[in-house]
Every structure is written in C-alpha cells, then in structure tokens.
PDB file of N, CA and C in Angstrom:
ATOM      1  N   MET A   1     -23.212  -6.841  13.888  1.00  0.00           N
ATOM      2  CA  MET A   1     -22.642  -6.373  12.641  1.00  0.00           C
ATOM      3  C   MET A   1     -21.403  -5.507  12.913  1.00  0.00           C
ATOM      4  N   LYS A   2     -21.478  -4.674  13.939  1.00  0.00           N
ATOM      5  CA  LYS A   2     -20.351  -3.811  14.281  1.00  0.00           C
ATOM      6  C   LYS A   2     -19.123  -4.649  14.657  1.00  0.00           C
ATOM      7  N   ARG A   3     -19.376  -5.722  15.403  1.00  0.00           N
ATOM      8  CA  ARG A   3     -18.272  -6.597  15.812  1.00  0.00           C
ATOM      9  C   ARG A   3     -17.630  -7.279  14.599  1.00  0.00           C
ATOM     10  N   LEU A   4     -18.461  -7.653  13.637  1.00  0.00           N
ATOM     11  CA  LEU A   4     -17.964  -8.273  12.409  1.00  0.00           C
ATOM     12  C   LEU A   4     -17.055  -7.313  11.644  1.00  0.00           C
ATOM     13  N   MET A   5     -17.489  -6.071  11.517  1.00  0.00           N
ATOM     14  CA  MET A   5     -16.688  -5.054  10.822  1.00  0.00           C
ATOM     15  C   MET A   5     -15.370  -4.809  11.560  1.00  0.00           C
ATOM     16  N   GLN A   6     -15.419  -4.780  12.879  1.00  0.00           N
ATOM     17  CA  GLN A   6     -14.201  -4.588  13.670  1.00  0.00           C
ATOM     18  C   GLN A   6     -13.248  -5.762  13.476  1.00  0.00           C
ATOM     19  N   SER A   7     -13.800  -6.960  13.378  1.00  0.00           N
ATOM     20  CA  SER A   7     -12.976  -8.154  13.175  1.00  0.00           C
ATOM     21  C   SER A   7     -12.264  -8.099  11.830  1.00  0.00           C
ATOM     22  N   ARG A   8     -12.977  -7.682  10.787  1.00  0.00           N
ATOM     23  CA  ARG A   8     -12.346  -7.554   9.460  1.00  0.00           C
ATOM     24  C   ARG A   8     -11.186  -6.568   9.507  1.00  0.00           C
ATOM     25  N   LYS A   9     -11.415  -5.450  10.148  1.00  0.00           N
ATOM     26  CA  LYS A   9     -10.369  -4.422  10.235  1.00  0.00           C
ATOM     27  C   LYS A   9      -9.170  -4.922  11.035  1.00  0.00           C
ATOM     28  N   LYS A  10      -9.415  -5.666  12.094  1.00  0.00           N
ATOM     29  CA  LYS A  10      -8.336  -6.217  12.925  1.00  0.00           C
ATOM     30  C   LYS A  10      -7.517  -7.232  12.127  1.00  0.00           C
ATOM     31  N   ILE A  11      -8.205  -8.112  11.401  1.00  0.00           N
ATOM     32  CA  ILE A  11      -7.508  -9.101  10.571  1.00  0.00           C
ATOM     33  C   ILE A  11      -6.669  -8.391   9.514  1.00  0.00           C
ATOM     34  N   ALA A  12      -7.235  -7.381   8.872  1.00  0.00           N
ATOM     35  CA  ALA A  12      -6.503  -6.628   7.849  1.00  0.00           C
ATOM     36  C   ALA A  12      -5.272  -5.959   8.446  1.00  0.00           C
ATOM     37  N   GLN A  13      -5.414  -5.390   9.627  1.00  0.00           N
ATOM     38  CA  GLN A  13      -4.289  -4.716  10.295  1.00  0.00           C
ATOM     39  C   GLN A  13      -3.147  -5.695  10.574  1.00  0.00           C
ATOM     40  N   LEU A  14      -3.492  -6.910  10.961  1.00  0.00           N
ATOM     41  CA  LEU A  14      -2.472  -7.921  11.266  1.00  0.00           C
ATOM     42  C   LEU A  14      -1.882  -8.559  10.012  1.00  0.00           C
ATOM     43  N   ALA A  15      -2.675  -8.655   8.949  1.00  0.00           N
ATOM     44  CA  ALA A  15      -2.237  -9.384   7.754  1.00  0.00           C
ATOM     45  C   ALA A  15      -1.535  -8.537   6.708  1.00  0.00           C
ATOM     46  N   TYR A  16      -1.892  -7.273   6.586  1.00  0.00           N
ATOM     47  CA  TYR A  16      -1.364  -6.495   5.455  1.00  0.00           C
ATOM     48  C   TYR A  16       0.161  -6.354   5.439  1.00  0.00           C
ATOM     49  N   PRO A  17       0.862  -6.353   6.587  1.00  0.00           N
ATOM     50  CA  PRO A  17       2.321  -6.245   6.506  1.00  0.00           C
ATOM     51  C   PRO A  17       3.006  -7.398   5.765  1.00  0.00           C
ATOM     52  N   PHE A  18       2.315  -8.522   5.614  1.00  0.00           N
ATOM     53  CA  PHE A  18       2.886  -9.646   4.872  1.00  0.00           C
ATOM     54  C   PHE A  18       2.923  -9.378   3.370  1.00  0.00           C
ATOM     55  N   ILE A  19       2.161  -8.408   2.928  1.00  0.00           N
ATOM     56  CA  ILE A  19       2.166  -8.030   1.506  1.00  0.00           C
ATOM     57  C   ILE A  19       3.267  -7.000   1.316  1.00  0.00           C
ATOM     58  N   THR A  20       4.296  -7.389   0.599  1.00  0.00           N
ATOM     59  CA  THR A  20       5.436  -6.498   0.376  1.00  0.00           C
ATOM     60  C   THR A  20       5.474  -6.085  -1.089  1.00  0.00           C
ATOM     61  N   ASP A  21       6.243  -5.058  -1.363  1.00  0.00           N
ATOM     62  CA  ASP A  21       6.340  -4.561  -2.735  1.00  0.00           C
ATOM     63  C   ASP A  21       6.806  -5.666  -3.678  1.00  0.00           C
ATOM     64  N   GLY A  22       6.126  -5.750  -4.813  1.00  0.00           N
ATOM     65  CA  GLY A  22       6.524  -6.675  -5.871  1.00  0.00           C
ATOM     66  C   GLY A  22       5.930  -8.061  -5.789  1.00  0.00           C
ATOM     67  N   VAL A  23       5.142  -8.374  -4.749  1.00  0.00           N
ATOM     68  CA  VAL A  23       4.599  -9.727  -4.645  1.00  0.00           C
ATOM     69  C   VAL A  23       3.390  -9.911  -5.559  1.00  0.00           C
ATOM     70  N   THR A  24       3.139 -11.162  -5.870  1.00  0.00           N
ATOM     71  CA  THR A  24       1.932 -11.553  -6.595  1.00  0.00           C
ATOM     72  C   THR A  24       1.102 -12.410  -5.659  1.00  0.00           C
ATOM     73  N   VAL A  25      -0.147 -12.016  -5.500  1.00  0.00           N
ATOM     74  CA  VAL A  25      -1.081 -12.697  -4.605  1.00  0.00           C
ATOM     75  C   VAL A  25      -2.135 -13.401  -5.450  1.00  0.00           C
ATOM     76  N   LEU A  26      -2.457 -14.631  -5.096  1.00  0.00           N
ATOM     77  CA  LEU A  26      -3.537 -15.361  -5.733  1.00  0.00           C
ATOM     78  C   LEU A  26      -4.701 -15.417  -4.759  1.00  0.00           C
ATOM     79  N   THR A  27      -5.902 -15.133  -5.242  1.00  0.00           N
ATOM     80  CA  THR A  27      -7.088 -15.288  -4.417  1.00  0.00           C
ATOM     81  C   THR A  27      -8.188 -15.975  -5.217  1.00  0.00           C
ATOM     82  N   VAL A  28      -9.067 -16.650  -4.485  1.00  0.00           N
ATOM     83  CA  VAL A  28     -10.142 -17.436  -5.069  1.00  0.00           C
ATOM     84  C   VAL A  28     -11.459 -16.907  -4.518  1.00  0.00           C
ATOM     85  N   ASP A  29     -12.424 -16.639  -5.387  1.00  0.00           N
ATOM     86  CA  ASP A  29     -13.760 -16.259  -4.949  1.00  0.00           C
ATOM     87  C   ASP A  29     -13.780 -14.825  -4.408  1.00  0.00           C
ATOM     88  N   MET A  30     -14.892 -14.423  -3.865  1.00  0.00           N
ATOM     89  CA  MET A  30     -15.070 -13.094  -3.279  1.00  0.00           C
ATOM     90  C   MET A  30     -15.010 -13.232  -1.766  1.00  0.00           C
ATOM     91  N   SER A  31     -14.118 -12.485  -1.142  1.00  0.00           N
ATOM     92  CA  SER A  31     -14.014 -12.484   0.308  1.00  0.00           C
ATOM     93  C   SER A  31     -13.859 -11.045   0.775  1.00  0.00           C
ATOM     94  N   ARG A  32     -14.770 -10.617   1.640  1.00  0.00           N
ATOM     95  CA  ARG A  32     -14.680  -9.245   2.160  1.00  0.00           C
ATOM     96  C   ARG A  32     -13.454  -9.058   3.035  1.00  0.00           C
ATOM     97  N   VAL A  33     -13.035 -10.116   3.738  1.00  0.00           N
ATOM     98  CA  VAL A  33     -11.840 -10.017   4.575  1.00  0.00           C
ATOM     99  C   VAL A  33     -10.589  -9.884   3.702  1.00  0.00           C
ATOM    100  N   VAL A  34     -10.495 -10.708   2.670  1.00  0.00           N
ATOM    101  CA  VAL A  34      -9.350 -10.622   1.755  1.00  0.00           C
ATOM    102  C   VAL A  34      -9.335  -9.251   1.081  1.00  0.00           C
ATOM    103  N   LEU A  35     -10.490  -8.768   0.677  1.00  0.00           N
ATOM    104  CA  LEU A  35     -10.573  -7.439   0.068  1.00  0.00           C
ATOM    105  C   LEU A  35     -10.095  -6.366   1.043  1.00  0.00           C
ATOM    106  N   GLU A  36     -10.472  -6.492   2.286  1.00  0.00           N
ATOM    107  CA  GLU A  36     -10.040  -5.534   3.314  1.00  0.00           C
ATOM    108  C   GLU A  36      -8.522  -5.562   3.498  1.00  0.00           C
ATOM    109  N   ILE A  37      -7.935  -6.746   3.502  1.00  0.00           N
ATOM    110  CA  ILE A  37      -6.476  -6.887   3.643  1.00  0.00           C
ATOM    111  C   ILE A  37      -5.764  -6.222   2.468  1.00  0.00           C
ATOM    112  N   LEU A  38      -6.211  -6.544   1.261  1.00  0.00           N
ATOM    113  CA  LEU A  38      -5.566  -5.994   0.068  1.00  0.00           C
ATOM    114  C   LEU A  38      -5.752  -4.480  -0.023  1.00  0.00           C
ATOM    115  N   THR A  39      -6.907  -3.994   0.375  1.00  0.00           N
ATOM    116  CA  THR A  39      -7.158  -2.553   0.389  1.00  0.00           C
ATOM    117  C   THR A  39      -6.244  -1.859   1.388  1.00  0.00           C
ATOM    118  N   LYS A  40      -6.092  -2.451   2.566  1.00  0.00           N
ATOM    119  CA  LYS A  40      -5.214  -1.876   3.599  1.00  0.00           C
ATOM    120  C   LYS A  40      -3.775  -1.816   3.086  1.00  0.00           C
ATOM    121  N   ALA A  41      -3.326  -2.858   2.424  1.00  0.00           N
ATOM    122  CA  ALA A  41      -1.967  -2.865   1.868  1.00  0.00           C
ATOM    123  C   ALA A  41      -1.823  -1.779   0.809  1.00  0.00           C
ATOM    124  N   HIS A  42      -2.811  -1.669  -0.058  1.00  0.00           N
ATOM    125  CA  HIS A  42      -2.795  -0.654  -1.116  1.00  0.00           C
ATOM    126  C   HIS A  42      -2.800   0.754  -0.517  1.00  0.00           C
ATOM    127  N   ASP A  43      -3.622   0.969   0.496  1.00  0.00           N
ATOM    128  CA  ASP A  43      -3.695   2.271   1.159  1.00  0.00           C
ATOM    129  C   ASP A  43      -2.387   2.649   1.854  1.00  0.00           C
ATOM    130  N   ASN A  44      -1.578   1.621   2.171  1.00  0.00           N
ATOM    131  CA  ASN A  44      -0.275   1.849   2.789  1.00  0.00           C
ATOM    132  C   ASN A  44       0.851   1.819   1.764  1.00  0.00           C
ATOM    133  N   MET A  45       0.476   2.110   0.513  1.00  0.00           N
ATOM    134  CA  MET A  45       1.414   2.293  -0.595  1.00  0.00           C
ATOM    135  C   MET A  45       2.199   1.048  -0.993  1.00  0.00           C
ATOM    136  N   LYS A  46       1.682  -0.128  -0.687  1.00  0.00           N
ATOM    137  CA  LYS A  46       2.327  -1.362  -1.134  1.00  0.00           C
ATOM    138  C   LYS A  46       2.032  -1.531  -2.621  1.00  0.00           C
ATOM    139  N   LYS A  47       3.024  -1.987  -3.368  1.00  0.00           N
ATOM    140  CA  LYS A  47       2.885  -2.232  -4.801  1.00  0.00           C
ATOM    141  C   LYS A  47       2.880  -3.749  -5.013  1.00  0.00           C
ATOM    142  N   PHE A  48       1.746  -4.283  -5.452  1.00  0.00           N
ATOM    143  CA  PHE A  48       1.594  -5.723  -5.624  1.00  0.00           C
ATOM    144  C   PHE A  48       0.578  -5.983  -6.725  1.00  0.00           C
ATOM    145  N   HIS A  49       0.475  -7.242  -7.111  1.00  0.00           N
ATOM    146  CA  HIS A  49      -0.457  -7.638  -8.163  1.00  0.00           C
ATOM    147  C   HIS A  49      -1.279  -8.817  -7.660  1.00  0.00           C
ATOM    148  N   VAL A  50      -2.556  -8.830  -7.999  1.00  0.00           N
ATOM    149  CA  VAL A  50      -3.448  -9.897  -7.550  1.00  0.00           C
ATOM    150  C   VAL A  50      -3.967 -10.675  -8.755  1.00  0.00           C
ATOM    151  N   LEU A  51      -3.879 -11.998  -8.675  1.00  0.00           N
ATOM    152  CA  LEU A  51      -4.503 -12.889  -9.644  1.00  0.00           C
ATOM    153  C   LEU A  51      -5.784 -13.398  -9.001  1.00  0.00           C
ATOM    154  N   VAL A  52      -6.891 -13.252  -9.701  1.00  0.00           N
ATOM    155  CA  VAL A  52      -8.199 -13.614  -9.160  1.00  0.00           C
ATOM    156  C   VAL A  52      -8.836 -14.669 -10.054  1.00  0.00           C
ATOM    157  N   THR A  53      -9.186 -15.810  -9.481  1.00  0.00           N
ATOM    158  CA  THR A  53      -9.868 -16.828 -10.279  1.00  0.00           C
ATOM    159  C   THR A  53     -11.306 -16.402 -10.554  1.00  0.00           C
ATOM    160  N   VAL A  54     -11.845 -16.877 -11.649  1.00  0.00           N
ATOM    161  CA  VAL A  54     -13.236 -16.588 -12.008  1.00  0.00           C
ATOM    162  C   VAL A  54     -14.182 -17.164 -10.953  1.00  0.00           C
ATOM    163  N   SER A  55     -13.832 -18.306 -10.415  1.00  0.00           N
ATOM    164  CA  SER A  55     -14.620 -19.007  -9.383  1.00  0.00           C
ATOM    165  C   SER A  55     -15.960 -19.506  -9.910  1.00  0.00           C
ATOM    166  N   GLU A  56     -15.868 -20.429 -10.854  1.00  0.00           N
ATOM    167  CA  GLU A  56     -17.064 -21.076 -11.389  1.00  0.00           C
ATOM    168  C   GLU A  56     -17.733 -21.893 -10.290  1.00  0.00           C
ATOM    169  N   PRO A  57     -19.007 -22.153 -10.295  1.00  0.00           N
ATOM    170  CA  PRO A  57     -19.946 -21.804 -11.345  1.00  0.00           C
ATOM    171  C   PRO A  57     -20.613 -20.435 -11.138  1.00  0.00           C
ATOM    172  N   ASP A  58     -20.465 -19.833  -9.949  1.00  0.00           N
ATOM    173  CA  ASP A  58     -21.193 -18.581  -9.703  1.00  0.00           C
ATOM    174  C   ASP A  58     -20.421 -17.325 -10.109  1.00  0.00           C
ATOM    175  N   LYS A  59     -19.153 -17.511 -10.481  1.00  0.00           N
ATOM    176  CA  LYS A  59     -18.306 -16.417 -10.977  1.00  0.00           C
ATOM    177  C   LYS A  59     -18.151 -15.269  -9.978  1.00  0.00           C
ATOM    178  N   LYS A  60     -18.104 -15.610  -8.684  1.00  0.00           N
ATOM    179  CA  LYS A  60     -17.946 -14.586  -7.649  1.00  0.00           C
ATOM    180  C   LYS A  60     -16.571 -13.920  -7.725  1.00  0.00           C
ATOM    181  N   GLY A  61     -15.615 -14.599  -8.340  1.00  0.00           N
ATOM    182  CA  GLY A  61     -14.299 -14.003  -8.503  1.00  0.00           C
ATOM    183  C   GLY A  61     -14.333 -12.735  -9.342  1.00  0.00           C
ATOM    184  N   LEU A  62     -15.309 -12.663 -10.250  1.00  0.00           N
ATOM    185  CA  LEU A  62     -15.442 -11.464 -11.072  1.00  0.00           C
ATOM    186  C   LEU A  62     -15.876 -10.265 -10.219  1.00  0.00           C
ATOM    187  N   MET A  63     -16.651 -10.526  -9.169  1.00  0.00           N
ATOM    188  CA  MET A  63     -17.015  -9.458  -8.223  1.00  0.00           C
ATOM    189  C   MET A  63     -15.763  -8.955  -7.494  1.00  0.00           C
ATOM    190  N   MET A  64     -14.905  -9.897  -7.113  1.00  0.00           N
ATOM    191  CA  MET A  64     -13.662  -9.536  -6.425  1.00  0.00           C
ATOM    192  C   MET A  64     -12.764  -8.735  -7.356  1.00  0.00           C
ATOM    193  N   LEU A  65     -12.652  -9.166  -8.589  1.00  0.00           N
ATOM    194  CA  LEU A  65     -11.844  -8.466  -9.583  1.00  0.00           C
ATOM    195  C   LEU A  65     -12.310  -7.016  -9.736  1.00  0.00           C
ATOM    196  N   LYS A  66     -13.601  -6.824  -9.870  1.00  0.00           N
ATOM    197  CA  LYS A  66     -14.157  -5.476 -10.013  1.00  0.00           C
ATOM    198  C   LYS A  66     -13.896  -4.640  -8.763  1.00  0.00           C
ATOM    199  N   ALA A  67     -14.102  -5.216  -7.585  1.00  0.00           N
ATOM    200  CA  ALA A  67     -13.888  -4.491  -6.337  1.00  0.00           C
ATOM    201  C   ALA A  67     -12.428  -4.057  -6.204  1.00  0.00           C
ATOM    202  N   LEU A  68     -11.494  -4.943  -6.562  1.00  0.00           N
ATOM    203  CA  LEU A  68     -10.067  -4.599  -6.500  1.00  0.00           C
ATOM    204  C   LEU A  68      -9.736  -3.470  -7.470  1.00  0.00           C
ATOM    205  N   ARG A  69     -10.197  -3.597  -8.692  1.00  0.00           N
ATOM    206  CA  ARG A  69      -9.913  -2.571  -9.700  1.00  0.00           C
ATOM    207  C   ARG A  69     -10.553  -1.238  -9.333  1.00  0.00           C
ATOM    208  N   ASP A  70     -11.747  -1.273  -8.753  1.00  0.00           N
ATOM    209  CA  ASP A  70     -12.408  -0.041  -8.318  1.00  0.00           C
ATOM    210  C   ASP A  70     -11.586   0.689  -7.250  1.00  0.00           C
ATOM    211  N   LYS A  71     -10.793  -0.059  -6.506  1.00  0.00           N
ATOM    212  CA  LYS A  71      -9.946   0.540  -5.470  1.00  0.00           C
ATOM    213  C   LYS A  71      -8.552   0.898  -5.988  1.00  0.00           C
ATOM    214  N   GLY A  72      -8.328   0.641  -7.289  1.00  0.00           N
ATOM    215  CA  GLY A  72      -7.041   0.978  -7.890  1.00  0.00           C
ATOM    216  C   GLY A  72      -5.970  -0.076  -7.706  1.00  0.00           C
ATOM    217  N   ILE A  73      -6.362  -1.271  -7.325  1.00  0.00           N
ATOM    218  CA  ILE A  73      -5.415  -2.372  -7.111  1.00  0.00           C
ATOM    219  C   ILE A  73      -5.256  -3.146  -8.411  1.00  0.00           C
ATOM    220  N   GLN A  74      -4.009  -3.395  -8.807  1.00  0.00           N
ATOM    221  CA  GLN A  74      -3.738  -4.150 -10.032  1.00  0.00           C
ATOM    222  C   GLN A  74      -4.213  -5.581  -9.860  1.00  0.00           C
ATOM    223  N   ALA A  75      -5.095  -6.021 -10.743  1.00  0.00           N
ATOM    224  CA  ALA A  75      -5.643  -7.372 -10.643  1.00  0.00           C
ATOM    225  C   ALA A  75      -5.893  -7.937 -12.026  1.00  0.00           C
ATOM    226  N   THR A  76      -5.676  -9.238 -12.147  1.00  0.00           N
ATOM    227  CA  THR A  76      -5.870  -9.951 -13.401  1.00  0.00           C
ATOM    228  C   THR A  76      -6.778 -11.139 -13.161  1.00  0.00           C
ATOM    229  N   GLN A  77      -7.741 -11.317 -14.036  1.00  0.00           N
ATOM    230  CA  GLN A  77      -8.632 -12.472 -13.977  1.00  0.00           C
ATOM    231  C   GLN A  77      -7.922 -13.675 -14.565  1.00  0.00           C
ATOM    232  N   ILE A  78      -8.053 -14.822 -13.895  1.00  0.00           N
ATOM    233  CA  ILE A  78      -7.543 -16.073 -14.464  1.00  0.00           C
ATOM    234  C   ILE A  78      -8.640 -17.125 -14.368  1.00  0.00           C
ATOM    235  N   LEU A  79      -8.571 -18.105 -15.247  1.00  0.00           N
ATOM    236  CA  LEU A  79      -9.517 -19.215 -15.186  1.00  0.00           C
ATOM    237  C   LEU A  79      -9.164 -20.116 -14.011  1.00  0.00           C
ATOM    238  N   ASP A  80     -10.161 -20.754 -13.438  1.00  0.00           N
ATOM    239  CA  ASP A  80      -9.929 -21.665 -12.318  1.00  0.00           C
ATOM    240  C   ASP A  80      -8.919 -22.751 -12.684  1.00  0.00           C
ATOM    241  N   CYS A  81      -9.031 -23.267 -13.898  1.00  0.00           N
ATOM    242  CA  CYS A  81      -8.169 -24.366 -14.332  1.00  0.00           C
ATOM    243  C   CYS A  81      -6.728 -23.940 -14.595  1.00  0.00           C
ATOM    244  N   SER A  82      -6.439 -22.637 -14.526  1.00  0.00           N
ATOM    245  CA  SER A  82      -5.077 -22.180 -14.812  1.00  0.00           C
ATOM    246  C   SER A  82      -4.248 -21.939 -13.554  1.00  0.00           C
ATOM    247  N   ILE A  83      -4.785 -22.269 -12.400  1.00  0.00           N
ATOM    248  CA  ILE A  83      -4.051 -22.043 -11.153  1.00  0.00           C
ATOM    249  C   ILE A  83      -2.694 -22.745 -11.187  1.00  0.00           C
ATOM    250  N   GLY A  84      -2.669 -23.994 -11.622  1.00  0.00           N
ATOM    251  CA  GLY A  84      -1.409 -24.737 -11.685  1.00  0.00           C
ATOM    252  C   GLY A  84      -0.383 -24.068 -12.586  1.00  0.00           C
ATOM    253  N   PHE A  85      -0.841 -23.451 -13.642  1.00  0.00           N
ATOM    254  CA  PHE A  85       0.044 -22.769 -14.592  1.00  0.00           C
ATOM    255  C   PHE A  85       0.666 -21.516 -13.995  1.00  0.00           C
ATOM    256  N   VAL A  86      -0.080 -20.765 -13.182  1.00  0.00           N
ATOM    257  CA  VAL A  86       0.420 -19.490 -12.650  1.00  0.00           C
ATOM    258  C   VAL A  86       1.123 -19.621 -11.296  1.00  0.00           C
ATOM    259  N   MET A  87       1.032 -20.785 -10.647  1.00  0.00           N
ATOM    260  CA  MET A  87       1.561 -20.918  -9.286  1.00  0.00           C
ATOM    261  C   MET A  87       3.042 -20.576  -9.162  1.00  0.00           C
ATOM    262  N   GLU A  88       3.819 -20.803 -10.199  1.00  0.00           N
ATOM    263  CA  GLU A  88       5.251 -20.493 -10.094  1.00  0.00           C
ATOM    264  C   GLU A  88       5.498 -18.984  -9.987  1.00  0.00           C
ATOM    265  N   ARG A  89       4.516 -18.176 -10.360  1.00  0.00           N
ATOM    266  CA  ARG A  89       4.639 -16.716 -10.244  1.00  0.00           C
ATOM    267  C   ARG A  89       4.018 -16.172  -8.962  1.00  0.00           C
ATOM    268  N   VAL A  90       3.314 -17.011  -8.217  1.00  0.00           N
ATOM    269  CA  VAL A  90       2.579 -16.583  -7.028  1.00  0.00           C
ATOM    270  C   VAL A  90       3.479 -16.639  -5.804  1.00  0.00           C
ATOM    271  N   ASP A  91       3.471 -15.532  -5.039  1.00  0.00           N
ATOM    272  CA  ASP A  91       4.251 -15.489  -3.807  1.00  0.00           C
ATOM    273  C   ASP A  91       3.456 -16.009  -2.609  1.00  0.00           C
ATOM    274  N   PHE A  92       2.174 -15.742  -2.580  1.00  0.00           N
ATOM    275  CA  PHE A  92       1.315 -16.357  -1.582  1.00  0.00           C
ATOM    276  C   PHE A  92      -0.143 -16.274  -1.985  1.00  0.00           C
ATOM    277  N   VAL A  93      -0.944 -17.064  -1.279  1.00  0.00           N
ATOM    278  CA  VAL A  93      -2.364 -17.197  -1.576  1.00  0.00           C
ATOM    279  C   VAL A  93      -3.160 -16.663  -0.388  1.00  0.00           C
ATOM    280  N   LEU A  94      -4.165 -15.858  -0.678  1.00  0.00           N
ATOM    281  CA  LEU A  94      -5.089 -15.371   0.344  1.00  0.00           C
ATOM    282  C   LEU A  94      -6.480 -15.871  -0.004  1.00  0.00           C
ATOM    283  N   VAL A  95      -7.113 -16.603   0.900  1.00  0.00           N
ATOM    284  CA  VAL A  95      -8.488 -17.041   0.697  1.00  0.00           C
ATOM    285  C   VAL A  95      -9.307 -16.702   1.930  1.00  0.00           C
ATOM    286  N   GLY A  96     -10.574 -16.469   1.713  1.00  0.00           N
ATOM    287  CA  GLY A  96     -11.479 -16.226   2.821  1.00  0.00           C
ATOM    288  C   GLY A  96     -11.929 -17.540   3.427  1.00  0.00           C
ATOM    289  N   ALA A  97     -12.668 -17.426   4.503  1.00  0.00           N
ATOM    290  CA  ALA A  97     -13.200 -18.613   5.166  1.00  0.00           C
ATOM    291  C   ALA A  97     -14.711 -18.486   5.273  1.00  0.00           C
ATOM    292  N   GLY A  98     -15.416 -19.415   4.644  1.00  0.00           N
ATOM    293  CA  GLY A  98     -16.860 -19.463   4.798  1.00  0.00           C
ATOM    294  C   GLY A  98     -17.229 -19.897   6.201  1.00  0.00           C
ATOM    295  N   GLY A  99     -16.308 -20.620   6.826  1.00  0.00           N
ATOM    296  CA  GLY A  99     -16.505 -21.067   8.204  1.00  0.00           C
ATOM    297  C   GLY A  99     -15.207 -21.606   8.768  1.00  0.00           C
ATOM    298  N   VAL A 100     -15.112 -21.606  10.082  1.00  0.00           N
ATOM    299  CA  VAL A 100     -13.952 -22.158  10.778  1.00  0.00           C
ATOM    300  C   VAL A 100     -14.468 -23.254  11.696  1.00  0.00           C
ATOM    301  N   VAL A 101     -13.839 -24.425  11.628  1.00  0.00           N
ATOM    302  CA  VAL A 101     -14.281 -25.548  12.448  1.00  0.00           C
ATOM    303  C   VAL A 101     -13.403 -25.688  13.682  1.00  0.00           C
ATOM    304  N   THR A 102     -13.851 -26.485  14.641  1.00  0.00           N
ATOM    305  CA  THR A 102     -13.192 -26.553  15.947  1.00  0.00           C
ATOM    306  C   THR A 102     -11.742 -27.018  15.896  1.00  0.00           C
ATOM    307  N   ASN A 103     -11.361 -27.802  14.900  1.00  0.00           N
ATOM    308  CA  ASN A 103      -9.970 -28.263  14.821  1.00  0.00           C
ATOM    309  C   ASN A 103      -9.060 -27.251  14.128  1.00  0.00           C
ATOM    310  N   GLY A 104      -9.620 -26.061  13.803  1.00  0.00           N
ATOM    311  CA  GLY A 104      -8.824 -25.026  13.154  1.00  0.00           C
ATOM    312  C   GLY A 104      -8.919 -25.052  11.644  1.00  0.00           C
ATOM    313  N   GLY A 105      -9.617 -26.037  11.095  1.00  0.00           N
ATOM    314  CA  GLY A 105      -9.778 -26.124   9.653  1.00  0.00           C
ATOM    315  C   GLY A 105     -10.697 -25.032   9.133  1.00  0.00           C
ATOM    316  N   LEU A 106     -10.574 -24.738   7.852  1.00  0.00           N
ATOM    317  CA  LEU A 106     -11.404 -23.718   7.220  1.00  0.00           C
ATOM    318  C   LEU A 106     -12.321 -24.353   6.192  1.00  0.00           C
ATOM    319  N   ILE A 107     -13.508 -23.810   6.088  1.00  0.00           N
ATOM    320  CA  ILE A 107     -14.447 -24.209   5.039  1.00  0.00           C
ATOM    321  C   ILE A 107     -14.426 -23.100   4.003  1.00  0.00           C
ATOM    322  N   ASN A 108     -14.164 -23.469   2.773  1.00  0.00           N
ATOM    323  CA  ASN A 108     -14.096 -22.496   1.694  1.00  0.00           C
ATOM    324  C   ASN A 108     -14.737 -23.116   0.468  1.00  0.00           C
ATOM    325  N   LYS A 109     -14.719 -22.364  -0.603  1.00  0.00           N
ATOM    326  CA  LYS A 109     -15.308 -22.823  -1.861  1.00  0.00           C
ATOM    327  C   LYS A 109     -14.660 -24.145  -2.301  1.00  0.00           C
ATOM    328  N   ILE A 110     -15.456 -24.967  -2.945  1.00  0.00           N
ATOM    329  CA  ILE A 110     -14.940 -26.240  -3.436  1.00  0.00           C
ATOM    330  C   ILE A 110     -13.718 -26.015  -4.325  1.00  0.00           C
ATOM    331  N   GLY A 111     -12.741 -26.831  -4.185  1.00  0.00           N
ATOM    332  CA  GLY A 111     -11.510 -26.682  -4.955  1.00  0.00           C
ATOM    333  C   GLY A 111     -10.384 -26.042  -4.138  1.00  0.00           C
ATOM    334  N   THR A 112     -10.722 -25.484  -2.995  1.00  0.00           N
ATOM    335  CA  THR A 112      -9.705 -24.916  -2.107  1.00  0.00           C
ATOM    336  C   THR A 112      -9.341 -25.982  -1.099  1.00  0.00           C
ATOM    337  N   TYR A 113      -8.110 -26.455  -1.156  1.00  0.00           N
ATOM    338  CA  TYR A 113      -7.651 -27.489  -0.241  1.00  0.00           C
ATOM    339  C   TYR A 113      -6.701 -26.861   0.745  1.00  0.00           C
ATOM    340  N   LEU A 114      -7.056 -26.915   2.014  1.00  0.00           N
ATOM    341  CA  LEU A 114      -6.222 -26.350   3.059  1.00  0.00           C
ATOM    342  C   LEU A 114      -5.754 -27.464   3.976  1.00  0.00           C
ATOM    343  N   GLN A 115      -4.466 -27.548   4.178  1.00  0.00           N
ATOM    344  CA  GLN A 115      -3.927 -28.591   5.029  1.00  0.00           C
ATOM    345  C   GLN A 115      -3.498 -27.987   6.359  1.00  0.00           C
ATOM    346  N   PRO A 116      -4.056 -28.503   7.481  1.00  0.00           N
ATOM    347  CA  PRO A 116      -3.693 -27.935   8.803  1.00  0.00           C
ATOM    348  C   PRO A 116      -2.260 -28.209   9.174  1.00  0.00           C
TER     349      PRO A 116
END
C-alpha cells in the first residue's frame, strides 16, 4: 500500500506541470491518480477548470466532482453524451488506468478509447 501511495505522488509530481493557468481539463470516472495530479496543480497555485463526466451507469464521476470541489478545484459536471460538444473547449484529457497491459495499452472505463 505504501508503494502504491508513493507511485501516485510520483506520477502527480511528474504530471502536474502540464497543467497551466487557464486550461480546461476533461476527466472521466473517478481516479485517485488523476485526483492527486489535479490536487498537486491546485496546491501549486495553478488556475484551471475541470469538466467531469457523470460516468454512467455507476456515476463514479459524481464522486470525482465532489472530491475536486472539496479541495477547492473548479469543476463542472457534464453528461457522458456531451463530451463531443465540449471537446472544442478542452485543452487536454486526464484519465486513470484500471490496468496497464504489456503493449503499453490502458484499460479504462467503457467509452474511453486510447490509441497507442
């Protein structure tokens, strides 16, 4: 468990500099690693906005939305079906990985398409 926590912190340390002032980030579902990255950016005074999908059918995105808001991070809930509508406003997408496969591919919630 300690190694897992250290890994999250290391990933956040490497990833948060990519979040710059004024960007809009899209995220899908609840990811502790993504939450750690966004928290690290917020703690380093970055000003950004997060769009969070509801993530049907289990609505885990609502957990992410609450966690972000509890940390003082600006976040807006969007419906899963509205991703195409908001993409022109999105600067980048952050998603967690339920698993990583040997070819470098990621396993994530259905509807997340990642191209290697």
